[in-house]
Amino acid sequence: MVSNQNKDKFDIEKLNIVKKYFSRIFTVLKPEIRHELDILDIPDQKKKELKKALAFLSYSKQKKYLKEIHNTYDEEAIKKTKKNSKR
């Protein structure tokens, strides 16, 4: 006789969030990428969010994304410098 206890138990494998997490392929950030993130002049919370986002990208996409981030922050730094020099 088969017990119905299995039906009553919480079946974690049926949760969509668990399925979604395990279906994603992610990589560990290489030291070079971690260093690039560490030298960014942004709040730690933003760095943490970036690390989580980058973990699901390939190495080449991580590099490309970081390059764009550096360019964006470099442009913002230049604008701030120009504003401060006008004062």
N, C-alpha and C. Protein backbone atom coordinates (compact mmCIF):
# COMPACT_ATOMS: atom_id res chain seq x y z
N MET A 1 0.83 -1.17 0.00
CA MET A 1 0.00 0.00 0.00
C MET A 1 0.89 1.25 0.00
N VAL A 2 0.58 2.20 -0.86
CA VAL A 2 1.36 3.43 -0.98
C VAL A 2 0.76 4.48 -0.06
N SER A 3 1.61 5.11 0.70
CA SER A 3 1.16 6.11 1.65
C SER A 3 0.92 7.44 0.96
N ASN A 4 -0.03 8.19 1.46
CA ASN A 4 -0.33 9.53 0.94
C ASN A 4 0.48 10.61 1.64
N GLN A 5 1.40 10.20 2.50
CA GLN A 5 2.20 11.17 3.24
C GLN A 5 3.04 12.02 2.30
N ASN A 6 3.50 11.46 1.20
CA ASN A 6 4.32 12.22 0.26
C ASN A 6 3.55 13.37 -0.35
N LYS A 7 2.26 13.21 -0.56
CA LYS A 7 1.44 14.28 -1.13
C LYS A 7 1.28 15.42 -0.15
N ASP A 8 1.25 15.09 1.13
CA ASP A 8 1.04 16.10 2.15
C ASP A 8 2.32 16.87 2.48
N LYS A 9 3.45 16.30 2.18
CA LYS A 9 4.72 16.96 2.48
C LYS A 9 4.96 18.13 1.52
N PHE A 10 5.71 19.07 2.00
CA PHE A 10 6.08 20.23 1.20
C PHE A 10 7.07 19.78 0.12
N ASP A 11 6.73 20.00 -1.13
CA ASP A 11 7.58 19.56 -2.24
C ASP A 11 8.34 20.75 -2.80
N ILE A 12 9.56 20.91 -2.33
CA ILE A 12 10.38 22.07 -2.71
C ILE A 12 10.69 22.07 -4.21
N GLU A 13 10.73 20.91 -4.82
CA GLU A 13 11.06 20.84 -6.24
C GLU A 13 9.99 21.44 -7.13
N LYS A 14 8.80 21.64 -6.61
CA LYS A 14 7.71 22.21 -7.41
C LYS A 14 7.66 23.73 -7.34
N LEU A 15 8.45 24.32 -6.47
CA LEU A 15 8.46 25.78 -6.37
C LEU A 15 9.11 26.39 -7.60
N ASN A 16 8.44 27.34 -8.21
CA ASN A 16 8.96 27.98 -9.42
C ASN A 16 10.27 28.70 -9.17
N ILE A 17 10.41 29.34 -8.03
CA ILE A 17 11.63 30.09 -7.74
C ILE A 17 12.84 29.15 -7.66
N VAL A 18 12.65 27.97 -7.12
CA VAL A 18 13.73 26.99 -7.02
C VAL A 18 14.09 26.47 -8.40
N LYS A 19 13.08 26.19 -9.20
CA LYS A 19 13.33 25.73 -10.56
C LYS A 19 14.08 26.79 -11.36
N LYS A 20 13.65 28.04 -11.21
CA LYS A 20 14.28 29.14 -11.95
C LYS A 20 15.75 29.29 -11.54
N TYR A 21 16.03 29.21 -10.24
CA TYR A 21 17.41 29.36 -9.76
C TYR A 21 18.31 28.26 -10.33
N PHE A 22 17.87 27.04 -10.25
CA PHE A 22 18.72 25.93 -10.69
C PHE A 22 18.79 25.80 -12.21
N SER A 23 17.89 26.45 -12.92
CA SER A 23 17.95 26.39 -14.37
C SER A 23 18.94 27.41 -14.94
N ARG A 24 19.35 28.37 -14.13
CA ARG A 24 20.29 29.39 -14.58
C ARG A 24 21.71 28.89 -14.45
N ILE A 25 22.49 29.22 -15.43
CA ILE A 25 23.92 28.88 -15.39
C ILE A 25 24.66 30.13 -14.93
N PHE A 26 25.49 29.99 -13.94
CA PHE A 26 26.25 31.15 -13.49
C PHE A 26 27.71 30.77 -13.32
N THR A 27 28.53 31.79 -13.30
CA THR A 27 29.97 31.58 -13.17
C THR A 27 30.47 32.29 -11.92
N VAL A 28 31.64 31.88 -11.48
CA VAL A 28 32.30 32.55 -10.37
C VAL A 28 33.08 33.72 -10.97
N LEU A 29 33.06 34.83 -10.29
CA LEU A 29 33.80 36.00 -10.79
C LEU A 29 35.29 35.76 -10.65
N LYS A 30 35.99 35.99 -11.73
CA LYS A 30 37.45 35.84 -11.73
C LYS A 30 38.06 36.99 -10.92
N PRO A 31 39.27 36.77 -10.39
CA PRO A 31 39.92 37.82 -9.59
C PRO A 31 40.03 39.16 -10.34
N GLU A 32 40.27 39.09 -11.63
CA GLU A 32 40.38 40.32 -12.43
C GLU A 32 39.06 41.11 -12.39
N ILE A 33 37.95 40.42 -12.51
CA ILE A 33 36.64 41.07 -12.49
C ILE A 33 36.37 41.64 -11.10
N ARG A 34 36.68 40.86 -10.06
CA ARG A 34 36.48 41.34 -8.69
C ARG A 34 37.31 42.59 -8.42
N HIS A 35 38.54 42.62 -8.95
CA HIS A 35 39.40 43.79 -8.77
C HIS A 35 38.78 45.00 -9.47
N GLU A 36 38.29 44.80 -10.68
CA GLU A 36 37.65 45.89 -11.43
C GLU A 36 36.47 46.47 -10.64
N LEU A 37 35.70 45.60 -10.02
CA LEU A 37 34.57 46.06 -9.21
C LEU A 37 35.05 46.81 -7.97
N ASP A 38 36.11 46.31 -7.37
CA ASP A 38 36.61 46.94 -6.14
C ASP A 38 37.12 48.36 -6.38
N ILE A 39 37.68 48.63 -7.55
CA ILE A 39 38.22 49.97 -7.79
C ILE A 39 37.16 50.97 -8.26
N LEU A 40 35.95 50.49 -8.52
CA LEU A 40 34.88 51.41 -8.88
C LEU A 40 34.54 52.30 -7.69
N ASP A 41 34.32 53.56 -7.95
CA ASP A 41 33.98 54.51 -6.89
C ASP A 41 32.46 54.59 -6.75
N ILE A 42 31.88 53.48 -6.27
CA ILE A 42 30.44 53.42 -6.07
C ILE A 42 30.18 52.79 -4.70
N PRO A 43 28.98 53.01 -4.16
CA PRO A 43 28.67 52.43 -2.83
C PRO A 43 28.76 50.90 -2.83
N ASP A 44 29.08 50.36 -1.68
CA ASP A 44 29.23 48.91 -1.54
C ASP A 44 27.97 48.15 -1.93
N GLN A 45 26.81 48.71 -1.62
CA GLN A 45 25.55 48.05 -1.97
C GLN A 45 25.43 47.89 -3.49
N LYS A 46 25.81 48.92 -4.23
CA LYS A 46 25.78 48.85 -5.69
C LYS A 46 26.77 47.80 -6.20
N LYS A 47 27.95 47.74 -5.58
CA LYS A 47 28.94 46.74 -5.97
C LYS A 47 28.39 45.33 -5.76
N LYS A 48 27.71 45.15 -4.64
CA LYS A 48 27.13 43.84 -4.34
C LYS A 48 26.08 43.46 -5.38
N GLU A 49 25.25 44.42 -5.78
CA GLU A 49 24.24 44.17 -6.80
C GLU A 49 24.90 43.83 -8.14
N LEU A 50 25.97 44.55 -8.47
CA LEU A 50 26.69 44.28 -9.71
C LEU A 50 27.30 42.88 -9.71
N LYS A 51 27.87 42.49 -8.59
CA LYS A 51 28.48 41.15 -8.49
C LYS A 51 27.42 40.08 -8.75
N LYS A 52 26.25 40.26 -8.17
CA LYS A 52 25.18 39.28 -8.37
C LYS A 52 24.76 39.23 -9.83
N ALA A 53 24.66 40.39 -10.46
CA ALA A 53 24.24 40.44 -11.86
C ALA A 53 25.32 39.84 -12.77
N LEU A 54 26.57 40.17 -12.50
CA LEU A 54 27.67 39.69 -13.34
C LEU A 54 27.87 38.18 -13.24
N ALA A 55 27.49 37.60 -12.12
CA ALA A 55 27.70 36.17 -11.90
C ALA A 55 26.95 35.32 -12.93
N PHE A 56 25.92 35.87 -13.53
CA PHE A 56 25.13 35.11 -14.49
C PHE A 56 25.53 35.39 -15.94
N LEU A 57 26.62 36.14 -16.11
CA LEU A 57 27.10 36.45 -17.46
C LEU A 57 28.38 35.69 -17.75
N SER A 58 28.65 35.53 -19.02
CA SER A 58 29.92 34.91 -19.42
C SER A 58 31.05 35.90 -19.13
N TYR A 59 32.27 35.39 -19.13
CA TYR A 59 33.43 36.24 -18.84
C TYR A 59 33.53 37.41 -19.83
N SER A 60 33.32 37.13 -21.11
CA SER A 60 33.43 38.20 -22.11
C SER A 60 32.35 39.27 -21.90
N LYS A 61 31.17 38.84 -21.52
CA LYS A 61 30.10 39.82 -21.26
C LYS A 61 30.37 40.59 -19.97
N GLN A 62 30.98 39.93 -18.99
CA GLN A 62 31.35 40.63 -17.76
C GLN A 62 32.32 41.76 -18.07
N LYS A 63 33.34 41.44 -18.89
CA LYS A 63 34.35 42.44 -19.27
C LYS A 63 33.69 43.61 -20.00
N LYS A 64 32.83 43.30 -20.95
CA LYS A 64 32.16 44.33 -21.74
C LYS A 64 31.30 45.22 -20.84
N TYR A 65 30.55 44.61 -19.96
CA TYR A 65 29.67 45.34 -19.05
C TYR A 65 30.48 46.25 -18.13
N LEU A 66 31.57 45.74 -17.59
CA LEU A 66 32.42 46.54 -16.71
C LEU A 66 33.06 47.71 -17.45
N LYS A 67 33.43 47.49 -18.69
CA LYS A 67 34.02 48.56 -19.49
C LYS A 67 33.01 49.70 -19.65
N GLU A 68 31.77 49.35 -19.92
CA GLU A 68 30.71 50.36 -20.06
C GLU A 68 30.48 51.10 -18.74
N ILE A 69 30.52 50.36 -17.64
CA ILE A 69 30.34 50.99 -16.33
C ILE A 69 31.48 51.96 -16.05
N HIS A 70 32.71 51.54 -16.33
CA HIS A 70 33.87 52.43 -16.12
C HIS A 70 33.73 53.68 -16.98
N ASN A 71 33.34 53.53 -18.23
CA ASN A 71 33.17 54.68 -19.12
C ASN A 71 32.11 55.63 -18.58
N THR A 72 31.02 55.08 -18.10
CA THR A 72 29.94 55.90 -17.55
C THR A 72 30.41 56.67 -16.34
N TYR A 73 31.08 56.00 -15.42
CA TYR A 73 31.54 56.68 -14.21
C TYR A 73 32.67 57.64 -14.50
N ASP A 74 33.50 57.35 -15.49
CA ASP A 74 34.55 58.29 -15.88
C ASP A 74 33.94 59.56 -16.44
N GLU A 75 32.91 59.43 -17.26
CA GLU A 75 32.24 60.59 -17.82
C GLU A 75 31.59 61.43 -16.72
N GLU A 76 30.98 60.77 -15.75
CA GLU A 76 30.35 61.49 -14.63
C GLU A 76 31.40 62.22 -13.81
N ALA A 77 32.55 61.60 -13.60
CA ALA A 77 33.63 62.23 -12.84
C ALA A 77 34.14 63.47 -13.57
N ILE A 78 34.26 63.39 -14.88
CA ILE A 78 34.70 64.54 -15.68
C ILE A 78 33.70 65.68 -15.56
N LYS A 79 32.42 65.36 -15.64
CA LYS A 79 31.37 66.39 -15.52
C LYS A 79 31.42 67.05 -14.15
N LYS A 80 31.61 66.25 -13.09
CA LYS A 80 31.69 66.82 -11.75
C LYS A 80 32.90 67.73 -11.61
N THR A 81 34.01 67.32 -12.19
CA THR A 81 35.23 68.12 -12.13
C THR A 81 35.03 69.47 -12.83
N LYS A 82 34.37 69.41 -13.99
CA LYS A 82 34.10 70.66 -14.73
C LYS A 82 33.18 71.58 -13.95
N LYS A 83 32.15 71.02 -13.28
CA LYS A 83 31.23 71.82 -12.49
C LYS A 83 31.97 72.46 -11.32
N ASN A 84 32.83 71.69 -10.66
CA ASN A 84 33.58 72.21 -9.52
C ASN A 84 34.59 73.27 -9.92
N SER A 85 35.15 73.17 -11.10
CA SER A 85 36.14 74.16 -11.55
C SER A 85 35.47 75.48 -11.94
N LYS A 86 34.18 75.45 -12.30
CA LYS A 86 33.47 76.67 -12.67
C LYS A 86 33.10 77.49 -11.44
N ARG A 87 33.05 76.88 -10.28
CA ARG A 87 32.65 77.58 -9.04
C ARG A 87 33.69 78.48 -8.56
